[in-house]
Amino acid sequence: MTEKQKTLICGDVNGCFNTLFSRVELIVKKSGPFDVLLCVGNFFGVDNSQLDAYRMRTKKVPVTTYVFGPSDGNHVKYYCEEGSEIVPNVIYMGKRGIFTTSADVKIAYLTGLSRRELGKDIPMCTFEPSDCSAVRDACYRGQTEYRGVDVLITTLWPSGIQQDEVQKVDVAEERLSNLIAWLSIHLKPRYHFESKYSPRL
């Protein structure tokens, strides 16, 4: 990284946009400006009416916000085209990929549930081995000596993390993935963020 980047991370928003962005404003006032906000959980909820004020620009999103996913089949209809703004300053990144911020922070992501481990396919909400390979290949491309990514964002935890003597993570079996374990080993992330989710597929 060429310079320090101040990053905020949040989990499930579930349609509580006013609460999220009000808290972000308070943090910014207290700790100074932040470069990005990464929403690693479910952004949308049952009621998304609070987003109208941001869409109409009567309210402003205080920090450039990146949204990933979805992981909930009921929310697919709310997402726009990958790389587009859901509302001003809120960008939908899709379910898989890698991007580099202006501060040279490399962020890789693969969200959703494993198609193989779930046993069924929910469009946009599931991934398969080829998705893992695509993210790995994108990270490795053009590098003669791969040193890892700064951040990895997933919906599931890598299998085996619950057995880590250092981490001591208590994770339910349905939130573990062999494919994410494979991806994490190959990407070597400095930080790995996983959303706590309640799947509705």
N, C-alpha and C. Protein backbone atom coordinates (compact mmCIF):
# COMPACT_ATOMS: atom_id res chain seq x y z
N MET A 1 0.84 -1.19 0.00
CA MET A 1 0.00 0.00 0.00
C MET A 1 0.88 1.24 0.00
N THR A 2 0.55 2.20 -0.83
CA THR A 2 1.36 3.40 -0.94
C THR A 2 1.06 4.39 0.18
N GLU A 3 -0.14 4.39 0.70
CA GLU A 3 -0.51 5.28 1.78
C GLU A 3 -1.60 4.63 2.62
N LYS A 4 -1.79 5.14 3.83
CA LYS A 4 -2.80 4.57 4.69
C LYS A 4 -4.19 4.90 4.18
N GLN A 5 -5.05 3.90 4.23
CA GLN A 5 -6.45 4.12 3.87
C GLN A 5 -7.30 3.86 5.09
N LYS A 6 -8.18 4.78 5.40
CA LYS A 6 -9.08 4.61 6.53
C LYS A 6 -10.37 3.96 6.02
N THR A 7 -10.62 2.77 6.51
CA THR A 7 -11.73 1.95 6.01
C THR A 7 -12.69 1.61 7.13
N LEU A 8 -13.99 1.71 6.84
CA LEU A 8 -15.03 1.27 7.76
C LEU A 8 -15.63 -0.03 7.23
N ILE A 9 -15.98 -0.94 8.13
CA ILE A 9 -16.58 -2.22 7.77
C ILE A 9 -17.90 -2.36 8.51
N CYS A 10 -18.94 -2.81 7.83
CA CYS A 10 -20.19 -3.11 8.52
C CYS A 10 -20.72 -4.46 8.04
N GLY A 11 -21.53 -5.09 8.88
CA GLY A 11 -22.14 -6.37 8.54
C GLY A 11 -23.50 -6.15 7.93
N ASP A 12 -24.50 -6.89 8.40
CA ASP A 12 -25.85 -6.77 7.85
C ASP A 12 -26.45 -5.39 8.12
N VAL A 13 -26.97 -4.77 7.06
CA VAL A 13 -27.68 -3.50 7.18
C VAL A 13 -29.18 -3.76 7.27
N ASN A 14 -29.65 -4.73 6.49
CA ASN A 14 -31.06 -5.17 6.51
C ASN A 14 -32.05 -4.03 6.31
N GLY A 15 -31.69 -3.09 5.44
CA GLY A 15 -32.61 -2.00 5.12
C GLY A 15 -32.60 -0.84 6.09
N CYS A 16 -31.79 -0.90 7.14
CA CYS A 16 -31.72 0.18 8.14
C CYS A 16 -30.67 1.22 7.70
N PHE A 17 -30.94 1.87 6.58
CA PHE A 17 -29.95 2.76 5.98
C PHE A 17 -29.72 4.02 6.80
N ASN A 18 -30.79 4.56 7.39
CA ASN A 18 -30.65 5.77 8.21
C ASN A 18 -29.75 5.50 9.41
N THR A 19 -29.95 4.35 10.05
CA THR A 19 -29.12 3.99 11.20
C THR A 19 -27.66 3.85 10.79
N LEU A 20 -27.43 3.16 9.69
CA LEU A 20 -26.06 2.95 9.21
C LEU A 20 -25.36 4.27 8.94
N PHE A 21 -25.96 5.10 8.10
CA PHE A 21 -25.27 6.31 7.66
C PHE A 21 -25.22 7.37 8.76
N SER A 22 -26.15 7.35 9.69
CA SER A 22 -26.07 8.25 10.85
C SER A 22 -24.87 7.88 11.71
N ARG A 23 -24.67 6.59 11.92
CA ARG A 23 -23.52 6.14 12.70
C ARG A 23 -22.21 6.47 12.00
N VAL A 24 -22.21 6.31 10.69
CA VAL A 24 -21.00 6.64 9.92
C VAL A 24 -20.69 8.13 10.06
N GLU A 25 -21.70 8.98 10.00
CA GLU A 25 -21.50 10.42 10.15
C GLU A 25 -20.89 10.74 11.52
N LEU A 26 -21.37 10.08 12.56
CA LEU A 26 -20.85 10.30 13.90
C LEU A 26 -19.38 9.88 14.00
N ILE A 27 -19.06 8.74 13.38
CA ILE A 27 -17.67 8.26 13.39
C ILE A 27 -16.77 9.21 12.64
N VAL A 28 -17.24 9.72 11.52
CA VAL A 28 -16.45 10.66 10.72
C VAL A 28 -16.19 11.95 11.51
N LYS A 29 -17.22 12.43 12.22
CA LYS A 29 -17.06 13.65 13.02
C LYS A 29 -16.06 13.44 14.15
N LYS A 30 -16.06 12.23 14.70
CA LYS A 30 -15.19 11.93 15.84
C LYS A 30 -13.77 11.60 15.42
N SER A 31 -13.63 10.84 14.33
CA SER A 31 -12.32 10.29 13.97
C SER A 31 -11.76 10.81 12.65
N GLY A 32 -12.44 11.77 12.05
CA GLY A 32 -11.94 12.31 10.80
C GLY A 32 -12.49 11.56 9.59
N PRO A 33 -12.18 12.00 8.39
CA PRO A 33 -12.75 11.39 7.19
C PRO A 33 -12.25 9.97 6.96
N PHE A 34 -13.12 9.14 6.37
CA PHE A 34 -12.77 7.79 5.98
C PHE A 34 -12.87 7.69 4.46
N ASP A 35 -12.07 6.78 3.90
CA ASP A 35 -12.02 6.64 2.44
C ASP A 35 -13.16 5.81 1.89
N VAL A 36 -13.44 4.67 2.54
CA VAL A 36 -14.48 3.77 2.04
C VAL A 36 -15.22 3.10 3.19
N LEU A 37 -16.43 2.65 2.88
CA LEU A 37 -17.22 1.81 3.77
C LEU A 37 -17.52 0.53 3.02
N LEU A 38 -17.14 -0.61 3.59
CA LEU A 38 -17.39 -1.91 2.98
C LEU A 38 -18.55 -2.59 3.69
N CYS A 39 -19.64 -2.84 2.99
CA CYS A 39 -20.81 -3.54 3.55
C CYS A 39 -20.69 -5.01 3.19
N VAL A 40 -20.29 -5.83 4.14
CA VAL A 40 -20.01 -7.23 3.85
C VAL A 40 -21.20 -8.14 4.14
N GLY A 41 -22.29 -7.59 4.68
CA GLY A 41 -23.48 -8.41 4.98
C GLY A 41 -24.61 -8.11 4.02
N ASN A 42 -25.83 -8.44 4.43
CA ASN A 42 -27.01 -8.15 3.62
C ASN A 42 -27.32 -6.66 3.68
N PHE A 43 -27.25 -5.99 2.55
CA PHE A 43 -27.50 -4.55 2.50
C PHE A 43 -28.99 -4.26 2.57
N PHE A 44 -29.77 -5.00 1.82
CA PHE A 44 -31.22 -4.78 1.77
C PHE A 44 -31.94 -5.60 2.84
N GLY A 45 -33.20 -5.22 3.07
CA GLY A 45 -34.03 -5.93 4.03
C GLY A 45 -35.45 -6.09 3.51
N VAL A 46 -36.38 -6.32 4.41
CA VAL A 46 -37.79 -6.46 4.02
C VAL A 46 -38.35 -5.11 3.58
N ASP A 47 -38.00 -4.06 4.30
CA ASP A 47 -38.45 -2.70 3.99
C ASP A 47 -37.23 -1.85 3.62
N ASN A 48 -37.18 -1.39 2.39
CA ASN A 48 -36.04 -0.60 1.91
C ASN A 48 -36.43 0.84 1.59
N SER A 49 -37.55 1.29 2.16
CA SER A 49 -38.08 2.61 1.84
C SER A 49 -37.16 3.75 2.27
N GLN A 50 -36.32 3.52 3.28
CA GLN A 50 -35.40 4.57 3.73
C GLN A 50 -34.41 4.98 2.64
N LEU A 51 -34.23 4.10 1.67
CA LEU A 51 -33.26 4.39 0.60
C LEU A 51 -33.76 5.48 -0.34
N ASP A 52 -35.07 5.72 -0.34
CA ASP A 52 -35.64 6.71 -1.26
C ASP A 52 -35.05 8.10 -1.05
N ALA A 53 -34.82 8.46 0.21
CA ALA A 53 -34.28 9.79 0.50
C ALA A 53 -32.87 9.96 -0.08
N TYR A 54 -32.09 8.89 -0.08
CA TYR A 54 -30.74 8.94 -0.65
C TYR A 54 -30.81 8.93 -2.16
N ARG A 55 -31.81 8.22 -2.70
CA ARG A 55 -31.98 8.20 -4.15
C ARG A 55 -32.39 9.57 -4.67
N MET A 56 -33.23 10.27 -3.89
CA MET A 56 -33.72 11.60 -4.29
C MET A 56 -32.75 12.70 -3.87
N ARG A 57 -31.65 12.31 -3.19
CA ARG A 57 -30.60 13.24 -2.76
C ARG A 57 -31.05 14.21 -1.68
N THR A 58 -32.14 13.89 -0.98
CA THR A 58 -32.51 14.71 0.17
C THR A 58 -31.66 14.32 1.38
N LYS A 59 -31.05 13.13 1.32
CA LYS A 59 -30.05 12.70 2.29
C LYS A 59 -28.82 12.27 1.52
N LYS A 60 -27.66 12.39 2.17
CA LYS A 60 -26.41 12.11 1.49
C LYS A 60 -25.65 10.98 2.18
N VAL A 61 -25.10 10.08 1.38
CA VAL A 61 -24.24 9.01 1.90
C VAL A 61 -22.88 9.62 2.22
N PRO A 62 -22.44 9.59 3.48
CA PRO A 62 -21.25 10.35 3.90
C PRO A 62 -19.91 9.80 3.44
N VAL A 63 -19.85 8.50 3.13
CA VAL A 63 -18.59 7.87 2.73
C VAL A 63 -18.86 6.96 1.54
N THR A 64 -17.98 6.95 0.57
CA THR A 64 -18.14 6.04 -0.57
C THR A 64 -18.32 4.61 -0.07
N THR A 65 -19.42 3.99 -0.47
CA THR A 65 -19.83 2.71 0.10
C THR A 65 -19.86 1.63 -0.97
N TYR A 66 -19.22 0.51 -0.67
CA TYR A 66 -19.21 -0.63 -1.59
C TYR A 66 -20.07 -1.74 -1.01
N VAL A 67 -21.00 -2.25 -1.85
CA VAL A 67 -21.94 -3.30 -1.45
C VAL A 67 -21.63 -4.56 -2.24
N PHE A 68 -21.65 -5.71 -1.56
CA PHE A 68 -21.35 -7.00 -2.19
C PHE A 68 -22.56 -7.92 -2.03
N GLY A 69 -22.54 -9.02 -2.79
CA GLY A 69 -23.64 -9.97 -2.63
C GLY A 69 -24.46 -10.07 -3.90
N PRO A 70 -25.73 -10.52 -3.74
CA PRO A 70 -26.45 -10.79 -2.50
C PRO A 70 -26.24 -12.21 -1.98
N SER A 71 -26.68 -12.42 -0.73
CA SER A 71 -26.67 -13.75 -0.13
C SER A 71 -28.08 -14.20 0.21
N ASP A 72 -29.06 -13.38 -0.05
CA ASP A 72 -30.46 -13.67 0.24
C ASP A 72 -31.24 -13.63 -1.07
N GLY A 73 -31.86 -14.74 -1.42
CA GLY A 73 -32.59 -14.84 -2.67
C GLY A 73 -33.71 -13.83 -2.82
N ASN A 74 -34.28 -13.38 -1.70
CA ASN A 74 -35.36 -12.41 -1.74
C ASN A 74 -34.88 -11.01 -2.11
N HIS A 75 -33.58 -10.78 -2.06
CA HIS A 75 -33.05 -9.44 -2.30
C HIS A 75 -32.51 -9.23 -3.71
N VAL A 76 -32.48 -10.27 -4.51
CA VAL A 76 -31.88 -10.19 -5.85
C VAL A 76 -32.49 -9.04 -6.66
N LYS A 77 -33.79 -8.84 -6.56
CA LYS A 77 -34.49 -7.83 -7.37
C LYS A 77 -34.06 -6.40 -7.05
N TYR A 78 -33.44 -6.19 -5.90
CA TYR A 78 -33.06 -4.83 -5.51
C TYR A 78 -31.71 -4.39 -6.07
N TYR A 79 -30.94 -5.31 -6.58
CA TYR A 79 -29.59 -4.99 -7.03
C TYR A 79 -29.58 -4.48 -8.46
N CYS A 80 -28.64 -3.59 -8.74
CA CYS A 80 -28.49 -3.03 -10.07
C CYS A 80 -27.35 -3.76 -10.79
N GLU A 81 -26.95 -3.23 -11.91
CA GLU A 81 -25.84 -3.82 -12.67
C GLU A 81 -24.54 -3.65 -11.89
N GLU A 82 -23.67 -4.65 -11.98
CA GLU A 82 -22.38 -4.60 -11.29
C GLU A 82 -21.60 -3.35 -11.71
N GLY A 83 -21.02 -2.69 -10.73
CA GLY A 83 -20.24 -1.49 -11.00
C GLY A 83 -21.07 -0.22 -11.06
N SER A 84 -22.39 -0.36 -10.89
CA SER A 84 -23.29 0.81 -10.93
C SER A 84 -23.65 1.25 -9.52
N GLU A 85 -24.19 2.46 -9.43
CA GLU A 85 -24.62 3.00 -8.15
C GLU A 85 -26.05 2.58 -7.82
N ILE A 86 -26.23 2.05 -6.62
CA ILE A 86 -27.58 1.76 -6.12
C ILE A 86 -28.27 3.08 -5.83
N VAL A 87 -27.57 3.93 -5.15
CA VAL A 87 -27.92 5.35 -4.96
C VAL A 87 -26.60 6.10 -5.05
N PRO A 88 -26.63 7.42 -5.16
CA PRO A 88 -25.36 8.15 -5.25
C PRO A 88 -24.39 7.81 -4.11
N ASN A 89 -23.19 7.43 -4.48
CA ASN A 89 -22.09 7.11 -3.56
C ASN A 89 -22.21 5.73 -2.92
N VAL A 90 -23.13 4.90 -3.41
CA VAL A 90 -23.24 3.50 -2.97
C VAL A 90 -23.10 2.62 -4.20
N ILE A 91 -21.99 1.90 -4.30
CA ILE A 91 -21.66 1.15 -5.51
C ILE A 91 -21.82 -0.34 -5.29
N TYR A 92 -22.55 -0.99 -6.19
CA TYR A 92 -22.73 -2.44 -6.13
C TYR A 92 -21.59 -3.12 -6.89
N MET A 93 -20.83 -3.97 -6.20
CA MET A 93 -19.64 -4.57 -6.78
C MET A 93 -19.88 -5.96 -7.37
N GLY A 94 -21.03 -6.57 -7.10
CA GLY A 94 -21.29 -7.92 -7.59
C GLY A 94 -20.92 -8.96 -6.56
N LYS A 95 -20.96 -10.24 -6.97
CA LYS A 95 -20.70 -11.31 -6.01
C LYS A 95 -19.25 -11.78 -6.00
N ARG A 96 -18.49 -11.48 -7.05
CA ARG A 96 -17.09 -11.91 -7.06
C ARG A 96 -16.23 -10.92 -7.82
N GLY A 97 -14.96 -10.85 -7.42
CA GLY A 97 -14.03 -9.98 -8.15
C GLY A 97 -12.90 -9.50 -7.28
N ILE A 98 -12.16 -8.55 -7.80
CA ILE A 98 -11.07 -7.90 -7.08
C ILE A 98 -10.98 -6.47 -7.59
N PHE A 99 -10.72 -5.55 -6.68
CA PHE A 99 -10.49 -4.18 -7.09
C PHE A 99 -9.46 -3.55 -6.18
N THR A 100 -8.84 -2.51 -6.68
CA THR A 100 -7.80 -1.79 -5.94
C THR A 100 -8.26 -0.37 -5.72
N THR A 101 -8.21 0.09 -4.47
CA THR A 101 -8.65 1.43 -4.14
C THR A 101 -7.59 2.45 -4.55
N SER A 102 -7.94 3.72 -4.41
CA SER A 102 -7.01 4.78 -4.77
C SER A 102 -5.75 4.77 -3.89
N ALA A 103 -5.86 4.15 -2.70
CA ALA A 103 -4.71 4.03 -1.80
C ALA A 103 -3.97 2.72 -2.00
N ASP A 104 -4.26 2.03 -3.11
CA ASP A 104 -3.59 0.79 -3.49
C ASP A 104 -3.90 -0.37 -2.53
N VAL A 105 -5.10 -0.36 -1.95
CA VAL A 105 -5.56 -1.47 -1.12
C VAL A 105 -6.28 -2.47 -2.03
N LYS A 106 -5.80 -3.73 -2.03
CA LYS A 106 -6.37 -4.76 -2.89
C LYS A 106 -7.44 -5.53 -2.13
N ILE A 107 -8.66 -5.50 -2.66
CA ILE A 107 -9.81 -6.14 -2.01
C ILE A 107 -10.38 -7.20 -2.94
N ALA A 108 -10.37 -8.44 -2.49
CA ALA A 108 -10.97 -9.55 -3.24
C ALA A 108 -12.25 -9.96 -2.54
N TYR A 109 -13.21 -10.46 -3.30
CA TYR A 109 -14.49 -10.84 -2.68
C TYR A 109 -15.16 -11.98 -3.45
N LEU A 110 -15.83 -12.82 -2.69
CA LEU A 110 -16.65 -13.90 -3.25
C LEU A 110 -17.77 -14.15 -2.26
N THR A 111 -18.95 -13.62 -2.57
CA THR A 111 -20.07 -13.71 -1.63
C THR A 111 -21.09 -14.73 -2.09
N GLY A 112 -22.04 -15.01 -1.21
CA GLY A 112 -23.06 -16.01 -1.49
C GLY A 112 -22.71 -17.33 -0.83
N LEU A 113 -23.54 -18.33 -1.09
CA LEU A 113 -23.39 -19.66 -0.52
C LEU A 113 -22.88 -20.62 -1.58
N SER A 114 -22.19 -21.65 -1.17
CA SER A 114 -21.61 -22.60 -2.10
C SER A 114 -22.70 -23.45 -2.74
N ARG A 115 -22.73 -23.42 -4.06
CA ARG A 115 -23.71 -24.21 -4.81
C ARG A 115 -23.52 -25.69 -4.53
N ARG A 116 -22.26 -26.12 -4.48
CA ARG A 116 -21.96 -27.53 -4.25
C ARG A 116 -22.39 -27.96 -2.85
N GLU A 117 -22.08 -27.13 -1.84
CA GLU A 117 -22.37 -27.50 -0.47
C GLU A 117 -23.84 -27.28 -0.10
N LEU A 118 -24.49 -26.31 -0.79
CA LEU A 118 -25.90 -26.06 -0.55
C LEU A 118 -26.78 -27.09 -1.23
N GLY A 119 -26.31 -27.58 -2.38
CA GLY A 119 -27.05 -28.61 -3.10
C GLY A 119 -28.06 -28.07 -4.07
N LYS A 120 -28.12 -26.75 -4.25
CA LYS A 120 -29.03 -26.17 -5.24
C LYS A 120 -28.47 -24.83 -5.70
N ASP A 121 -29.00 -24.36 -6.82
CA ASP A 121 -28.50 -23.14 -7.43
C ASP A 121 -29.52 -22.02 -7.28
N ILE A 122 -29.13 -20.94 -6.63
CA ILE A 122 -29.95 -19.74 -6.55
C ILE A 122 -29.20 -18.65 -7.30
N PRO A 123 -29.71 -18.20 -8.45
CA PRO A 123 -28.98 -17.21 -9.25
C PRO A 123 -28.52 -16.02 -8.42
N MET A 124 -27.29 -15.62 -8.61
CA MET A 124 -26.63 -14.49 -7.95
C MET A 124 -26.26 -14.76 -6.50
N CYS A 125 -26.85 -15.78 -5.88
CA CYS A 125 -26.65 -16.01 -4.44
C CYS A 125 -25.77 -17.21 -4.15
N THR A 126 -25.34 -17.91 -5.17
CA THR A 126 -24.49 -19.09 -4.95
C THR A 126 -23.24 -19.01 -5.83
N PHE A 127 -22.23 -19.75 -5.43
CA PHE A 127 -20.99 -19.80 -6.21
C PHE A 127 -20.54 -21.24 -6.33
N GLU A 128 -19.62 -21.50 -7.25
CA GLU A 128 -19.11 -22.84 -7.49
C GLU A 128 -17.58 -22.77 -7.65
N PRO A 129 -16.91 -23.91 -7.81
CA PRO A 129 -15.45 -23.90 -7.89
C PRO A 129 -14.90 -22.95 -8.96
N SER A 130 -15.59 -22.82 -10.08
CA SER A 130 -15.08 -21.93 -11.14
C SER A 130 -15.05 -20.48 -10.69
N ASP A 131 -15.96 -20.08 -9.80
CA ASP A 131 -15.93 -18.72 -9.26
C ASP A 131 -14.69 -18.50 -8.40
N CYS A 132 -14.35 -19.50 -7.60
CA CYS A 132 -13.14 -19.43 -6.78
C CYS A 132 -11.90 -19.30 -7.65
N SER A 133 -11.85 -20.11 -8.70
CA SER A 133 -10.70 -20.07 -9.61
C SER A 133 -10.60 -18.72 -10.31
N ALA A 134 -11.75 -18.16 -10.68
CA ALA A 134 -11.76 -16.87 -11.38
C ALA A 134 -11.21 -15.76 -10.49
N VAL A 135 -11.58 -15.77 -9.20
CA VAL A 135 -11.09 -14.75 -8.27
C VAL A 135 -9.59 -14.93 -8.05
N ARG A 136 -9.17 -16.19 -7.86
CA ARG A 136 -7.74 -16.46 -7.68
C ARG A 136 -6.94 -16.00 -8.89
N ASP A 137 -7.40 -16.36 -10.09
CA ASP A 137 -6.68 -16.01 -11.31
C ASP A 137 -6.59 -14.49 -11.48
N ALA A 138 -7.68 -13.78 -11.12
CA ALA A 138 -7.68 -12.32 -11.23
C ALA A 138 -6.65 -11.70 -10.29
N CYS A 139 -6.50 -12.29 -9.11
CA CYS A 139 -5.54 -11.78 -8.14
C CYS A 139 -4.10 -12.06 -8.58
N TYR A 140 -3.88 -13.19 -9.22
CA TYR A 140 -2.53 -13.60 -9.62
C TYR A 140 -2.08 -12.93 -10.92
N ARG A 141 -3.05 -12.48 -11.71
CA ARG A 141 -2.74 -11.99 -13.06
C ARG A 141 -1.73 -10.83 -13.03
N GLY A 142 -0.70 -10.96 -13.83
CA GLY A 142 0.28 -9.90 -13.98
C GLY A 142 1.29 -9.79 -12.85
N GLN A 143 1.31 -10.77 -11.95
CA GLN A 143 2.25 -10.72 -10.82
C GLN A 143 3.26 -11.86 -10.93
N THR A 144 4.52 -11.52 -10.99
CA THR A 144 5.56 -12.55 -11.05
C THR A 144 5.79 -13.16 -9.68
N GLU A 145 5.55 -12.37 -8.63
CA GLU A 145 5.71 -12.88 -7.27
C GLU A 145 4.49 -12.46 -6.45
N TYR A 146 3.57 -13.38 -6.27
CA TYR A 146 2.32 -13.05 -5.58
C TYR A 146 2.54 -12.97 -4.07
N ARG A 147 2.06 -11.87 -3.46
CA ARG A 147 2.26 -11.66 -2.02
C ARG A 147 0.96 -11.57 -1.24
N GLY A 148 -0.17 -11.81 -1.89
CA GLY A 148 -1.44 -11.80 -1.17
C GLY A 148 -2.23 -10.52 -1.41
N VAL A 149 -3.49 -10.55 -0.96
CA VAL A 149 -4.36 -9.37 -1.03
C VAL A 149 -4.47 -8.76 0.36
N ASP A 150 -4.91 -7.53 0.40
CA ASP A 150 -5.08 -6.87 1.70
C ASP A 150 -6.35 -7.34 2.41
N VAL A 151 -7.44 -7.49 1.65
CA VAL A 151 -8.74 -7.84 2.24
C VAL A 151 -9.42 -8.91 1.40
N LEU A 152 -10.01 -9.89 2.07
CA LEU A 152 -10.88 -10.87 1.42
C LEU A 152 -12.24 -10.80 2.10
N ILE A 153 -13.30 -10.66 1.30
CA ILE A 153 -14.66 -10.59 1.82
C ILE A 153 -15.43 -11.81 1.32
N THR A 154 -16.04 -12.56 2.24
CA THR A 154 -16.86 -13.72 1.88
C THR A 154 -18.10 -13.78 2.76
N THR A 155 -19.07 -14.55 2.34
CA THR A 155 -20.26 -14.78 3.15
C THR A 155 -20.02 -15.93 4.13
N LEU A 156 -19.21 -16.90 3.72
CA LEU A 156 -18.93 -18.08 4.53
C LEU A 156 -17.51 -18.04 5.07
N TRP A 157 -17.30 -18.74 6.16
CA TRP A 157 -15.96 -18.90 6.72
C TRP A 157 -15.25 -20.07 6.05
N PRO A 158 -13.94 -20.05 5.98
CA PRO A 158 -13.21 -21.21 5.45
C PRO A 158 -13.27 -22.38 6.43
N SER A 159 -13.52 -23.56 5.91
CA SER A 159 -13.50 -24.76 6.75
C SER A 159 -12.14 -24.89 7.41
N GLY A 160 -12.14 -25.31 8.67
CA GLY A 160 -10.91 -25.48 9.40
C GLY A 160 -10.62 -24.35 10.37
N ILE A 161 -11.30 -23.19 10.16
CA ILE A 161 -11.02 -22.06 11.04
C ILE A 161 -11.47 -22.34 12.47
N GLN A 162 -12.51 -23.19 12.61
CA GLN A 162 -13.00 -23.50 13.95
C GLN A 162 -12.01 -24.37 14.73
N GLN A 163 -11.02 -24.93 14.02
CA GLN A 163 -10.01 -25.76 14.67
C GLN A 163 -8.71 -25.01 14.94
N ASP A 164 -8.68 -23.73 14.55
CA ASP A 164 -7.47 -22.92 14.73
C ASP A 164 -7.24 -22.65 16.21
N GLU A 165 -6.07 -22.99 16.68
CA GLU A 165 -5.74 -22.83 18.10
C GLU A 165 -5.60 -21.36 18.49
N VAL A 166 -5.25 -20.51 17.52
CA VAL A 166 -5.04 -19.09 17.82
C VAL A 166 -6.36 -18.33 17.75
N GLN A 167 -7.15 -18.60 16.68
CA GLN A 167 -8.38 -17.85 16.45
C GLN A 167 -9.49 -18.18 17.46
N LYS A 168 -9.65 -19.48 17.79
CA LYS A 168 -10.70 -19.94 18.70
C LYS A 168 -12.08 -19.46 18.23
N VAL A 169 -12.40 -19.70 16.98
CA VAL A 169 -13.67 -19.27 16.39
C VAL A 169 -14.69 -20.39 16.49
N ASP A 170 -15.86 -20.06 17.03
CA ASP A 170 -16.95 -21.03 17.13
C ASP A 170 -17.93 -20.76 15.99
N VAL A 171 -17.90 -21.59 14.97
CA VAL A 171 -18.68 -21.36 13.76
C VAL A 171 -19.60 -22.55 13.50
N ALA A 172 -20.87 -22.28 13.20
CA ALA A 172 -21.81 -23.33 12.85
C ALA A 172 -21.39 -23.99 11.54
N GLU A 173 -21.66 -25.28 11.43
CA GLU A 173 -21.23 -26.07 10.27
C GLU A 173 -21.71 -25.49 8.95
N GLU A 174 -22.95 -24.96 8.93
CA GLU A 174 -23.51 -24.45 7.68
C GLU A 174 -22.85 -23.14 7.22
N ARG A 175 -22.02 -22.56 8.07
CA ARG A 175 -21.33 -21.32 7.69
C ARG A 175 -19.88 -21.57 7.31
N LEU A 176 -19.52 -22.85 7.11
CA LEU A 176 -18.17 -23.21 6.72
C LEU A 176 -18.15 -23.69 5.27
N SER A 177 -17.07 -23.43 4.58
CA SER A 177 -16.97 -23.83 3.18
C SER A 177 -15.57 -24.30 2.84
N ASN A 178 -15.49 -25.48 2.25
CA ASN A 178 -14.19 -25.98 1.76
C ASN A 178 -13.66 -25.12 0.62
N LEU A 179 -14.57 -24.61 -0.21
CA LEU A 179 -14.15 -23.78 -1.33
C LEU A 179 -13.55 -22.46 -0.86
N ILE A 180 -14.14 -21.87 0.16
CA ILE A 180 -13.59 -20.63 0.71
C ILE A 180 -12.25 -20.89 1.38
N ALA A 181 -12.11 -22.06 2.00
CA ALA A 181 -10.82 -22.43 2.59
C ALA A 181 -9.75 -22.50 1.50
N TRP A 182 -10.08 -23.11 0.38
CA TRP A 182 -9.16 -23.20 -0.76
C TRP A 182 -8.79 -21.81 -1.25
N LEU A 183 -9.79 -20.96 -1.39
CA LEU A 183 -9.55 -19.61 -1.90
C LEU A 183 -8.68 -18.80 -0.94
N SER A 184 -8.97 -18.91 0.35
CA SER A 184 -8.20 -18.17 1.34
C SER A 184 -6.73 -18.58 1.37
N ILE A 185 -6.49 -19.87 1.22
CA ILE A 185 -5.11 -20.37 1.19
C ILE A 185 -4.35 -19.77 0.00
N HIS A 186 -5.02 -19.70 -1.14
CA HIS A 186 -4.36 -19.18 -2.33
C HIS A 186 -4.20 -17.66 -2.32
N LEU A 187 -5.17 -16.95 -1.75
CA LEU A 187 -5.12 -15.48 -1.80
C LEU A 187 -4.27 -14.86 -0.70
N LYS A 188 -4.10 -15.58 0.41
CA LYS A 188 -3.28 -15.09 1.53
C LYS A 188 -3.70 -13.68 1.98
N PRO A 189 -4.94 -13.49 2.37
CA PRO A 189 -5.39 -12.14 2.76
C PRO A 189 -4.81 -11.69 4.09
N ARG A 190 -4.51 -10.40 4.20
CA ARG A 190 -4.09 -9.83 5.49
C ARG A 190 -5.28 -9.79 6.44
N TYR A 191 -6.46 -9.48 5.90
CA TYR A 191 -7.69 -9.44 6.68
C TYR A 191 -8.78 -10.20 5.93
N HIS A 192 -9.55 -10.98 6.65
CA HIS A 192 -10.64 -11.75 6.04
C HIS A 192 -11.92 -11.42 6.80
N PHE A 193 -12.88 -10.81 6.09
CA PHE A 193 -14.16 -10.45 6.70
C PHE A 193 -15.26 -11.35 6.16
N GLU A 194 -16.06 -11.84 7.09
CA GLU A 194 -17.19 -12.71 6.74
C GLU A 194 -18.45 -12.12 7.35
N SER A 195 -19.55 -12.15 6.59
CA SER A 195 -20.80 -11.61 7.11
C SER A 195 -21.55 -12.67 7.90
N LYS A 196 -22.13 -12.24 9.01
CA LYS A 196 -23.02 -13.14 9.75
C LYS A 196 -24.36 -13.07 9.02
N TYR A 197 -24.81 -14.21 8.56
CA TYR A 197 -26.01 -14.19 7.72
C TYR A 197 -27.05 -15.18 8.22
N SER A 198 -28.29 -14.91 7.84
CA SER A 198 -29.39 -15.86 8.05
C SER A 198 -29.96 -16.15 6.67
N PRO A 199 -29.51 -17.22 6.02
CA PRO A 199 -29.88 -17.45 4.61
C PRO A 199 -31.38 -17.67 4.42
N ARG A 200 -31.92 -17.00 3.40
CA ARG A 200 -33.32 -17.21 3.01
C ARG A 200 -33.31 -17.54 1.53
N LEU A 201 -33.21 -18.82 1.25
CA LEU A 201 -33.10 -19.23 -0.15
C LEU A 201 -34.28 -20.10 -0.56
